[in-house]
Amino acid sequence: MADGAETLWRPTIDALVFQPPGHQGFCAVHRLAFRALLGRTPLGRPGTPEECLDFFAAHRPAFERAAAAKIQRRGLDVAASLHLTSRDVARALAEVS
């Protein structure tokens, strides 16, 4: 997956995976994180892979900002992989509100 390449759903880890711009590692967002982002209750069903991919596509800049912030905050190596929580993404979404 090259920088800015296609976003993938990885069923083996039940997560959306993308590569943040300027970063060689991968960023994963678990399907359960999307439950909060999609406005579902904690006991409600998580989004389907298609719903998660659609939400990501509609809010990609926020996901990229969240990844960049986490990379910087944690001082991650350029090749390190990471995962985002719903809180990471919610903070980035709130920045543009």
Protein backbone atom coordinates (compact mmCIF):
# COMPACT_ATOMS: atom_id res chain seq x y z
CA MET A 1 0.00 0.00 0.00
CA ALA A 2 1.71 3.18 -1.15
CA ASP A 3 1.30 6.57 0.50
CA GLY A 4 -2.27 7.76 -0.09
CA ALA A 5 -3.21 4.38 -1.54
CA GLU A 6 -6.50 2.63 -1.30
CA THR A 7 -8.10 2.05 2.05
CA LEU A 8 -8.60 -1.61 2.85
CA TRP A 9 -10.83 -3.63 5.11
CA ARG A 10 -8.81 -6.38 6.78
CA PRO A 11 -11.24 -9.07 7.94
CA THR A 12 -8.49 -10.91 9.82
CA ILE A 13 -8.29 -8.03 12.30
CA ASP A 14 -11.83 -6.67 11.72
CA ALA A 15 -10.44 -3.23 10.97
CA LEU A 16 -10.05 -0.57 8.33
CA VAL A 17 -6.41 -0.02 7.36
CA PHE A 18 -4.87 2.98 5.61
CA GLN A 19 -1.47 4.56 5.26
CA PRO A 20 -1.25 8.13 6.56
CA PRO A 21 0.38 10.63 4.18
CA GLY A 22 4.13 10.82 4.66
CA HIS A 23 4.17 7.72 6.85
CA GLN A 24 5.41 4.27 5.87
CA GLY A 25 3.53 2.35 8.55
CA PHE A 26 -0.11 1.39 8.53
CA CYS A 27 -2.90 2.81 10.60
CA ALA A 28 -5.77 0.57 11.69
CA VAL A 29 -9.18 1.54 13.03
CA HIS A 30 -11.07 -1.37 14.57
CA ARG A 31 -14.71 -1.84 13.66
CA LEU A 32 -15.75 -1.36 17.30
CA ALA A 33 -14.23 2.15 17.21
CA PHE A 34 -16.65 2.97 14.43
CA ARG A 35 -19.61 2.09 16.67
CA ALA A 36 -19.13 5.36 18.58
CA LEU A 37 -18.25 7.33 15.46
CA LEU A 38 -21.42 6.14 13.74
CA GLY A 39 -23.48 7.19 16.76
CA ARG A 40 -24.37 3.70 17.89
CA THR A 41 -24.97 2.82 21.53
CA PRO A 42 -22.24 0.88 23.36
CA LEU A 43 -24.35 -2.27 23.19
CA GLY A 44 -25.52 -1.62 19.64
CA ARG A 45 -24.09 -3.41 16.68
CA PRO A 46 -20.86 -2.06 15.23
CA GLY A 47 -20.95 -0.78 11.69
CA THR A 48 -20.63 -3.11 8.77
CA PRO A 49 -17.33 -2.96 6.89
CA GLU A 50 -19.11 -1.01 4.14
CA GLU A 51 -20.50 1.54 6.62
CA CYS A 52 -17.05 1.96 8.15
CA LEU A 53 -15.40 2.44 4.75
CA ASP A 54 -18.07 4.97 3.76
CA PHE A 55 -17.62 6.92 7.00
CA PHE A 56 -13.86 6.93 6.49
CA ALA A 57 -14.24 8.16 2.91
CA ALA A 58 -16.52 10.99 4.06
CA HIS A 59 -14.12 12.03 6.84
CA ARG A 60 -10.70 10.98 5.56
CA PRO A 61 -8.97 14.30 6.42
CA ALA A 62 -10.00 13.88 10.08
CA PHE A 63 -8.61 10.33 10.16
CA GLU A 64 -5.37 11.57 8.61
CA ARG A 65 -5.14 14.41 11.17
CA ALA A 66 -5.81 11.96 13.99
CA ALA A 67 -3.07 9.65 12.74
CA ALA A 68 -0.59 12.52 12.33
CA ALA A 69 -1.35 13.77 15.84
CA LYS A 70 -0.87 10.31 17.35
CA ILE A 71 2.38 9.77 15.44
CA GLN A 72 3.71 13.09 16.69
CA ARG A 73 2.40 12.68 20.25
CA ARG A 74 3.94 9.22 20.58
CA GLY A 75 7.12 10.07 18.67
CA LEU A 76 6.59 7.05 16.42
CA ASP A 77 9.15 6.00 13.86
CA VAL A 78 8.21 6.68 10.24
CA ALA A 79 7.71 2.95 9.64
CA ALA A 80 5.76 2.21 12.82
CA SER A 81 2.19 0.99 12.56
CA LEU A 82 -0.49 2.35 14.85
CA HIS A 83 -4.17 2.15 15.59
CA LEU A 84 -6.68 4.91 16.19
CA THR A 85 -9.42 4.83 18.78
CA SER A 86 -12.80 6.47 18.42
CA ARG A 87 -11.51 9.20 20.77
CA ASP A 88 -8.55 9.93 18.50
CA VAL A 89 -10.86 10.40 15.52
CA ALA A 90 -13.53 12.28 17.49
CA ARG A 91 -10.92 14.85 18.58
CA ALA A 92 -9.90 15.39 14.96
CA LEU A 93 -13.53 15.66 13.86
CA ALA A 94 -14.19 18.25 16.59
CA GLU A 95 -11.29 20.40 15.34
CA VAL A 96 -13.22 21.26 12.18
CA SER A 97 -16.58 21.78 13.88
